[in-house]
Amino acid sequence: MGIPVLILGDSGSGKSASMMHLNPEEGFLVNPENKRLPFKSKGWQPRDFNARTGNVFHTDVAADIVLIIQHARRAKRKFVVIDDFQYVMGNSFMRRRSEKSFEKFTEIGGGAWDVVKAAQQAEDDLIVYFLAHTEETAAGRIKMKTIGKMLDEKITVEGMFTIALRTSVADGRYHFTTQSDGTDPVKSPIGLFKEFQIDNDLNAVDAAIRDYYELNEGVSA
């Protein structure tokens, strides 16, 4: 099975910046908002479904993202980053905002579920990173931001992930927290990370996960 990894954080807290040390030749980036990355990123180039070159897909359609995940290993890619997963749901809602029926929430929630399931069902050594915004519940807990109640009432989205990290900023330094502080769904397998806070570096996280699950053979060139 594949490895879906959830990266939670407020806007500006370092989610996208954590990609800076990833090797663009080893992965795909799904960029629903067609936004610029917050670092020099010549290695990340646009790609469409008919192209053989490039590594950035500008789509927010859940069915398209499922196909990208399925295609990633055939294209000898080690990872897929979805930045930002919340817009896969949010943009769909905005396009359908005039619809009065509640069916749109069911369909939007179902599409998000399909993407996470595709990551779970991918090849063993494919890691899919879901970068997502957070929101606070009425009870004061932090969760992944979603659209409507379809996912929240039927599924605990964070429960579909074994690894969920959260961005944090302290004294001008950007980190990932690796275990819950009691108010959030952050978690990681026992022994994966030695510290409560680690550097905000997805490349280092990727290496740690591959070492932990003995996936270091990676992708042949």
C-alpha atoms as a PDB file:
ATOM      1  CA  MET A   1       0.000   0.000   0.000  1.00  0.00           C
ATOM      2  CA  GLY A   2       1.066   3.602  -0.542  1.00  0.00           C
ATOM      3  CA  ILE A   3       1.898   6.055   2.220  1.00  0.00           C
ATOM      4  CA  PRO A   4      -0.324   9.143   2.531  1.00  0.00           C
ATOM      5  CA  VAL A   5       1.200  11.827   4.772  1.00  0.00           C
ATOM      6  CA  LEU A   6      -0.786  14.790   6.070  1.00  0.00           C
ATOM      7  CA  ILE A   7       0.985  18.136   6.569  1.00  0.00           C
ATOM      8  CA  LEU A   8      -1.194  20.575   8.503  1.00  0.00           C
ATOM      9  CA  GLY A   9      -0.637  24.280   9.071  1.00  0.00           C
ATOM     10  CA  ASP A  10      -1.899  27.809   8.860  1.00  0.00           C
ATOM     11  CA  SER A  11      -1.218  29.907   5.772  1.00  0.00           C
ATOM     12  CA  GLY A  12       2.347  31.224   5.891  1.00  0.00           C
ATOM     13  CA  SER A  13       3.515  28.677   8.452  1.00  0.00           C
ATOM     14  CA  GLY A  14       5.872  26.868   6.086  1.00  0.00           C
ATOM     15  CA  LYS A  15       3.897  24.110   4.362  1.00  0.00           C
ATOM     16  CA  SER A  16       4.921  24.985   0.804  1.00  0.00           C
ATOM     17  CA  ALA A  17       8.404  26.131   1.864  1.00  0.00           C
ATOM     18  CA  SER A  18       9.060  22.672   3.284  1.00  0.00           C
ATOM     19  CA  MET A  19       9.292  21.403  -0.323  1.00  0.00           C
ATOM     20  CA  MET A  20      12.422  23.423  -1.015  1.00  0.00           C
ATOM     21  CA  HIS A  21      14.895  20.517  -0.719  1.00  0.00           C
ATOM     22  CA  LEU A  22      12.823  17.911  -2.555  1.00  0.00           C
ATOM     23  CA  ASN A  23      14.295  16.730  -5.854  1.00  0.00           C
ATOM     24  CA  PRO A  24      11.784  17.797  -8.554  1.00  0.00           C
ATOM     25  CA  GLU A  25      12.960  14.978 -10.814  1.00  0.00           C
ATOM     26  CA  GLU A  26      11.724  12.428  -8.290  1.00  0.00           C
ATOM     27  CA  GLY A  27       8.149  13.606  -7.858  1.00  0.00           C
ATOM     28  CA  PHE A  28       4.993  15.293  -9.062  1.00  0.00           C
ATOM     29  CA  LEU A  29       3.432  18.446  -7.626  1.00  0.00           C
ATOM     30  CA  VAL A  30      -0.320  18.992  -7.846  1.00  0.00           C
ATOM     31  CA  ASN A  31      -0.889  22.740  -7.603  1.00  0.00           C
ATOM     32  CA  PRO A  32      -4.655  23.422  -7.498  1.00  0.00           C
ATOM     33  CA  GLU A  33      -4.278  27.197  -7.086  1.00  0.00           C
ATOM     34  CA  ASN A  34      -1.633  27.651  -9.789  1.00  0.00           C
ATOM     35  CA  LYS A  35       0.393  29.613  -7.253  1.00  0.00           C
ATOM     36  CA  ARG A  36       4.111  30.327  -7.270  1.00  0.00           C
ATOM     37  CA  LEU A  37       6.255  28.409  -4.836  1.00  0.00           C
ATOM     38  CA  PRO A  38       7.863  30.488  -2.050  1.00  0.00           C
ATOM     39  CA  PHE A  39      11.417  29.649  -3.160  1.00  0.00           C
ATOM     40  CA  LYS A  40      13.437  29.544  -6.392  1.00  0.00           C
ATOM     41  CA  SER A  41      11.960  26.595  -8.185  1.00  0.00           C
ATOM     42  CA  LYS A  42      13.234  26.257 -11.751  1.00  0.00           C
ATOM     43  CA  GLY A  43      13.153  22.481 -11.376  1.00  0.00           C
ATOM     44  CA  TRP A  44       9.379  22.491 -11.054  1.00  0.00           C
ATOM     45  CA  GLN A  45       7.894  22.856 -14.537  1.00  0.00           C
ATOM     46  CA  PRO A  46       4.280  22.641 -15.793  1.00  0.00           C
ATOM     47  CA  ARG A  47       3.013  19.383 -17.236  1.00  0.00           C
ATOM     48  CA  ASP A  48      -0.284  18.230 -18.672  1.00  0.00           C
ATOM     49  CA  PHE A  49      -1.678  14.745 -19.050  1.00  0.00           C
ATOM     50  CA  ASN A  50      -0.395  14.380 -22.608  1.00  0.00           C
ATOM     51  CA  ALA A  51       3.160  15.584 -21.920  1.00  0.00           C
ATOM     52  CA  ARG A  52       6.247  13.514 -21.162  1.00  0.00           C
ATOM     53  CA  THR A  53       8.151  16.313 -19.482  1.00  0.00           C
ATOM     54  CA  GLY A  54       7.437  18.580 -16.538  1.00  0.00           C
ATOM     55  CA  ASN A  55       6.278  17.711 -13.049  1.00  0.00           C
ATOM     56  CA  VAL A  56       3.639  20.274 -11.977  1.00  0.00           C
ATOM     57  CA  PHE A  57      -0.055  19.621 -12.641  1.00  0.00           C
ATOM     58  CA  HIS A  58      -2.396  22.595 -12.301  1.00  0.00           C
ATOM     59  CA  THR A  59      -5.664  20.880 -11.465  1.00  0.00           C
ATOM     60  CA  ASP A  60      -8.109  20.876  -8.578  1.00  0.00           C
ATOM     61  CA  VAL A  61     -10.285  18.065  -9.945  1.00  0.00           C
ATOM     62  CA  ALA A  62     -10.277  15.082  -7.609  1.00  0.00           C
ATOM     63  CA  ALA A  63     -10.622  12.539 -10.421  1.00  0.00           C
ATOM     64  CA  ASP A  64      -7.589  14.046 -12.181  1.00  0.00           C
ATOM     65  CA  ILE A  65      -5.514  13.841  -8.996  1.00  0.00           C
ATOM     66  CA  VAL A  66      -6.438  10.178  -8.591  1.00  0.00           C
ATOM     67  CA  LEU A  67      -5.077   9.571 -12.105  1.00  0.00           C
ATOM     68  CA  ILE A  68      -1.879  11.492 -11.308  1.00  0.00           C
ATOM     69  CA  ILE A  69      -1.283   9.348  -8.230  1.00  0.00           C
ATOM     70  CA  GLN A  70      -1.899   6.199 -10.255  1.00  0.00           C
ATOM     71  CA  HIS A  71       0.462   7.422 -12.980  1.00  0.00           C
ATOM     72  CA  ALA A  72       3.263   8.513 -10.641  1.00  0.00           C
ATOM     73  CA  ARG A  73       4.977   5.153 -10.234  1.00  0.00           C
ATOM     74  CA  ARG A  74       4.631   4.298 -13.909  1.00  0.00           C
ATOM     75  CA  ALA A  75       6.511   7.542 -14.491  1.00  0.00           C
ATOM     76  CA  LYS A  76       9.158   6.391 -11.951  1.00  0.00           C
ATOM     77  CA  ARG A  77       8.272   9.045  -9.385  1.00  0.00           C
ATOM     78  CA  LYS A  78       8.844   8.525  -5.664  1.00  0.00           C
ATOM     79  CA  PHE A  79       6.366  11.045  -4.317  1.00  0.00           C
ATOM     80  CA  VAL A  80       3.404  13.286  -5.078  1.00  0.00           C
ATOM     81  CA  VAL A  81       2.760  16.568  -3.245  1.00  0.00           C
ATOM     82  CA  ILE A  82      -0.729  18.088  -3.239  1.00  0.00           C
ATOM     83  CA  ASP A  83      -0.419  21.764  -2.274  1.00  0.00           C
ATOM     84  CA  ASP A  84      -2.995  22.702  -1.021  1.00  0.00           C
ATOM     85  CA  PHE A  85      -5.474  19.843  -0.608  1.00  0.00           C
ATOM     86  CA  GLN A  86      -8.115  22.129   0.909  1.00  0.00           C
ATOM     87  CA  TYR A  87      -8.516  23.876  -2.465  1.00  0.00           C
ATOM     88  CA  VAL A  88      -9.433  20.584  -4.124  1.00  0.00           C
ATOM     89  CA  MET A  89     -12.566  20.827  -2.007  1.00  0.00           C
ATOM     90  CA  GLY A  90     -12.887  24.611  -1.750  1.00  0.00           C
ATOM     91  CA  ASN A  91     -12.608  25.375  -5.449  1.00  0.00           C
ATOM     92  CA  SER A  92     -15.198  22.738  -6.286  1.00  0.00           C
ATOM     93  CA  PHE A  93     -17.561  24.271  -3.754  1.00  0.00           C
ATOM     94  CA  MET A  94     -17.084  27.779  -5.166  1.00  0.00           C
ATOM     95  CA  ARG A  95     -17.802  26.609  -8.705  1.00  0.00           C
ATOM     96  CA  ARG A  96     -21.041  25.059  -7.453  1.00  0.00           C
ATOM     97  CA  ARG A  97     -22.003  27.734  -4.909  1.00  0.00           C
ATOM     98  CA  SER A  98     -25.267  28.561  -6.701  1.00  0.00           C
ATOM     99  CA  GLU A  99     -26.532  24.990  -6.372  1.00  0.00           C
ATOM    100  CA  LYS A 100     -29.195  24.701  -3.682  1.00  0.00           C
ATOM    101  CA  SER A 101     -28.945  20.934  -3.273  1.00  0.00           C
ATOM    102  CA  PHE A 102     -26.847  19.387  -0.517  1.00  0.00           C
ATOM    103  CA  GLU A 103     -25.688  16.764  -3.016  1.00  0.00           C
ATOM    104  CA  LYS A 104     -22.725  18.962  -3.870  1.00  0.00           C
ATOM    105  CA  PHE A 105     -21.316  18.460  -0.366  1.00  0.00           C
ATOM    106  CA  THR A 106     -21.636  14.696  -0.721  1.00  0.00           C
ATOM    107  CA  GLU A 107     -19.883  14.755  -4.085  1.00  0.00           C
ATOM    108  CA  ILE A 108     -17.118  17.109  -2.931  1.00  0.00           C
ATOM    109  CA  GLY A 109     -16.515  15.041   0.189  1.00  0.00           C
ATOM    110  CA  GLY A 110     -16.543  11.859  -1.844  1.00  0.00           C
ATOM    111  CA  GLY A 111     -13.946  13.275  -4.228  1.00  0.00           C
ATOM    112  CA  ALA A 112     -11.606  14.116  -1.347  1.00  0.00           C
ATOM    113  CA  TRP A 113     -12.069  10.605   0.047  1.00  0.00           C
ATOM    114  CA  ASP A 114     -11.250   9.149  -3.390  1.00  0.00           C
ATOM    115  CA  VAL A 115      -7.911  11.009  -3.482  1.00  0.00           C
ATOM    116  CA  VAL A 116      -6.829   9.780  -0.047  1.00  0.00           C
ATOM    117  CA  LYS A 117      -7.890   6.221  -0.909  1.00  0.00           C
ATOM    118  CA  ALA A 118      -5.871   6.414  -4.143  1.00  0.00           C
ATOM    119  CA  ALA A 119      -2.807   7.333  -2.085  1.00  0.00           C
ATOM    120  CA  GLN A 120      -3.457   4.421   0.289  1.00  0.00           C
ATOM    121  CA  GLN A 121      -3.835   2.004  -2.608  1.00  0.00           C
ATOM    122  CA  ALA A 122      -0.754   3.160  -4.518  1.00  0.00           C
ATOM    123  CA  GLU A 123       2.459   1.157  -4.803  1.00  0.00           C
ATOM    124  CA  ASP A 124       4.319   0.510  -1.545  1.00  0.00           C
ATOM    125  CA  ASP A 125       7.111   3.013  -2.131  1.00  0.00           C
ATOM    126  CA  LEU A 126       4.979   5.952  -3.320  1.00  0.00           C
ATOM    127  CA  ILE A 127       4.514   8.664  -0.695  1.00  0.00           C
ATOM    128  CA  VAL A 128       1.727  11.198  -1.221  1.00  0.00           C
ATOM    129  CA  TYR A 129       1.955  14.416   0.812  1.00  0.00           C
ATOM    130  CA  PHE A 130      -1.308  16.235   1.485  1.00  0.00           C
ATOM    131  CA  LEU A 131      -0.571  19.832   2.488  1.00  0.00           C
ATOM    132  CA  ALA A 132      -3.664  21.290   4.111  1.00  0.00           C
ATOM    133  CA  HIS A 133      -4.930  24.233   6.145  1.00  0.00           C
ATOM    134  CA  THR A 134      -6.262  23.896   9.672  1.00  0.00           C
ATOM    135  CA  GLU A 135      -9.330  25.109  11.510  1.00  0.00           C
ATOM    136  CA  GLU A 136     -10.407  25.134  15.139  1.00  0.00           C
ATOM    137  CA  THR A 137     -13.506  23.275  16.282  1.00  0.00           C
ATOM    138  CA  ALA A 138     -16.036  24.624  18.773  1.00  0.00           C
ATOM    139  CA  ALA A 139     -14.347  22.416  21.374  1.00  0.00           C
ATOM    140  CA  GLY A 140     -11.011  24.122  20.723  1.00  0.00           C
ATOM    141  CA  ARG A 141      -9.329  21.271  18.852  1.00  0.00           C
ATOM    142  CA  ILE A 142      -7.347  21.746  15.644  1.00  0.00           C
ATOM    143  CA  LYS A 143      -8.364  19.735  12.579  1.00  0.00           C
ATOM    144  CA  MET A 144      -7.915  19.728   8.838  1.00  0.00           C
ATOM    145  CA  LYS A 145     -10.096  22.313   7.136  1.00  0.00           C
ATOM    146  CA  THR A 146     -12.807  20.736   4.977  1.00  0.00           C
ATOM    147  CA  ILE A 147     -15.987  21.745   3.168  1.00  0.00           C
ATOM    148  CA  GLY A 148     -19.335  21.097   4.807  1.00  0.00           C
ATOM    149  CA  LYS A 149     -20.172  18.249   7.159  1.00  0.00           C
ATOM    150  CA  MET A 150     -19.979  15.293   4.778  1.00  0.00           C
ATOM    151  CA  LEU A 151     -16.416  14.323   5.690  1.00  0.00           C
ATOM    152  CA  ASP A 152     -16.550  15.556   9.284  1.00  0.00           C
ATOM    153  CA  GLU A 153     -19.704  13.640  10.200  1.00  0.00           C
ATOM    154  CA  LYS A 154     -18.994  10.435   8.312  1.00  0.00           C
ATOM    155  CA  ILE A 155     -15.195  10.204   8.413  1.00  0.00           C
ATOM    156  CA  THR A 156     -12.400  11.473  10.611  1.00  0.00           C
ATOM    157  CA  VAL A 157     -10.133  12.440   7.713  1.00  0.00           C
ATOM    158  CA  GLU A 158      -7.004  12.488   9.855  1.00  0.00           C
ATOM    159  CA  GLY A 159      -7.765   8.886  10.790  1.00  0.00           C
ATOM    160  CA  MET A 160      -6.954   7.877   7.202  1.00  0.00           C
ATOM    161  CA  PHE A 161      -3.329   8.865   7.816  1.00  0.00           C
ATOM    162  CA  THR A 162      -0.688   7.097   9.904  1.00  0.00           C
ATOM    163  CA  ILE A 163       1.570  10.155   9.680  1.00  0.00           C
ATOM    164  CA  ALA A 164       0.246  13.666  10.292  1.00  0.00           C
ATOM    165  CA  LEU A 165       2.672  16.518  10.952  1.00  0.00           C
ATOM    166  CA  ARG A 166       1.934  20.135  11.765  1.00  0.00           C
ATOM    167  CA  THR A 167       3.920  23.242  10.932  1.00  0.00           C
ATOM    168  CA  SER A 168       5.019  25.487  13.787  1.00  0.00           C
ATOM    169  CA  VAL A 169       7.071  28.650  14.060  1.00  0.00           C
ATOM    170  CA  ALA A 170       9.177  29.496  17.117  1.00  0.00           C
ATOM    171  CA  ASP A 171      11.838  32.203  17.457  1.00  0.00           C
ATOM    172  CA  GLY A 172      11.846  32.718  13.706  1.00  0.00           C
ATOM    173  CA  ARG A 173      12.474  29.029  12.988  1.00  0.00           C
ATOM    174  CA  TYR A 174      10.052  26.807  11.121  1.00  0.00           C
ATOM    175  CA  HIS A 175       9.415  23.269  12.366  1.00  0.00           C
ATOM    176  CA  PHE A 176       7.199  20.252  12.044  1.00  0.00           C
ATOM    177  CA  THR A 177       5.702  18.838  15.223  1.00  0.00           C
ATOM    178  CA  THR A 178       5.628  15.042  15.152  1.00  0.00           C
ATOM    179  CA  GLN A 179       3.281  14.148  18.023  1.00  0.00           C
ATOM    180  CA  SER A 180       0.057  15.666  19.323  1.00  0.00           C
ATOM    181  CA  ASP A 181       0.069  18.321  22.024  1.00  0.00           C
ATOM    182  CA  GLY A 182      -3.397  17.142  23.033  1.00  0.00           C
ATOM    183  CA  THR A 183      -5.296  19.641  20.901  1.00  0.00           C
ATOM    184  CA  ASP A 184      -4.464  18.452  17.393  1.00  0.00           C
ATOM    185  CA  PRO A 185      -4.409  15.212  15.343  1.00  0.00           C
ATOM    186  CA  VAL A 186      -0.621  15.159  14.864  1.00  0.00           C
ATOM    187  CA  LYS A 187       0.894  11.670  15.008  1.00  0.00           C
ATOM    188  CA  SER A 188       3.715   9.508  13.724  1.00  0.00           C
ATOM    189  CA  PRO A 189       4.704   5.844  14.190  1.00  0.00           C
ATOM    190  CA  ILE A 190       6.756   4.961  17.260  1.00  0.00           C
ATOM    191  CA  GLY A 191      10.441   5.522  16.526  1.00  0.00           C
ATOM    192  CA  LEU A 192      10.003   7.302  13.204  1.00  0.00           C
ATOM    193  CA  PHE A 193      11.131  10.646  14.607  1.00  0.00           C
ATOM    194  CA  LYS A 194      13.300  11.034  17.695  1.00  0.00           C
ATOM    195  CA  GLU A 195      12.155  14.553  18.552  1.00  0.00           C
ATOM    196  CA  PHE A 196       8.875  16.365  19.163  1.00  0.00           C
ATOM    197  CA  GLN A 197      10.008  19.105  16.757  1.00  0.00           C
ATOM    198  CA  ILE A 198      12.017  18.489  13.587  1.00  0.00           C
ATOM    199  CA  ASP A 199      13.234  20.737  10.786  1.00  0.00           C
ATOM    200  CA  ASN A 200      10.595  21.933   8.354  1.00  0.00           C
ATOM    201  CA  ASP A 201      12.058  19.866   5.516  1.00  0.00           C
ATOM    202  CA  LEU A 202       9.939  17.448   3.490  1.00  0.00           C
ATOM    203  CA  ASN A 203      13.045  15.930   1.926  1.00  0.00           C
ATOM    204  CA  ALA A 204      14.339  14.926   5.365  1.00  0.00           C
ATOM    205  CA  VAL A 205      10.875  13.643   6.287  1.00  0.00           C
ATOM    206  CA  ASP A 206      10.762  11.624   3.074  1.00  0.00           C
ATOM    207  CA  ALA A 207      14.161  10.084   3.809  1.00  0.00           C
ATOM    208  CA  ALA A 208      13.120   9.208   7.362  1.00  0.00           C
ATOM    209  CA  ILE A 209       9.907   7.521   6.195  1.00  0.00           C
ATOM    210  CA  ARG A 210      11.750   5.489   3.555  1.00  0.00           C
ATOM    211  CA  ASP A 211      14.316   4.380   6.103  1.00  0.00           C
ATOM    212  CA  TYR A 212      11.630   3.486   8.668  1.00  0.00           C
ATOM    213  CA  TYR A 213       9.612   1.393   6.219  1.00  0.00           C
ATOM    214  CA  GLU A 214      12.747   0.042   4.468  1.00  0.00           C
ATOM    215  CA  LEU A 215      11.917   1.641   1.125  1.00  0.00           C
ATOM    216  CA  ASN A 216      15.413   2.882   0.392  1.00  0.00           C
ATOM    217  CA  GLU A 217      15.661   1.028  -2.887  1.00  0.00           C
ATOM    218  CA  GLY A 218      13.402   3.794  -4.188  1.00  0.00           C
ATOM    219  CA  VAL A 219      12.929   4.190  -7.910  1.00  0.00           C
ATOM    220  CA  SER A 220      15.410   2.946 -10.440  1.00  0.00           C
ATOM    221  CA  ALA A 221      16.623   5.604 -12.836  1.00  0.00           C
END
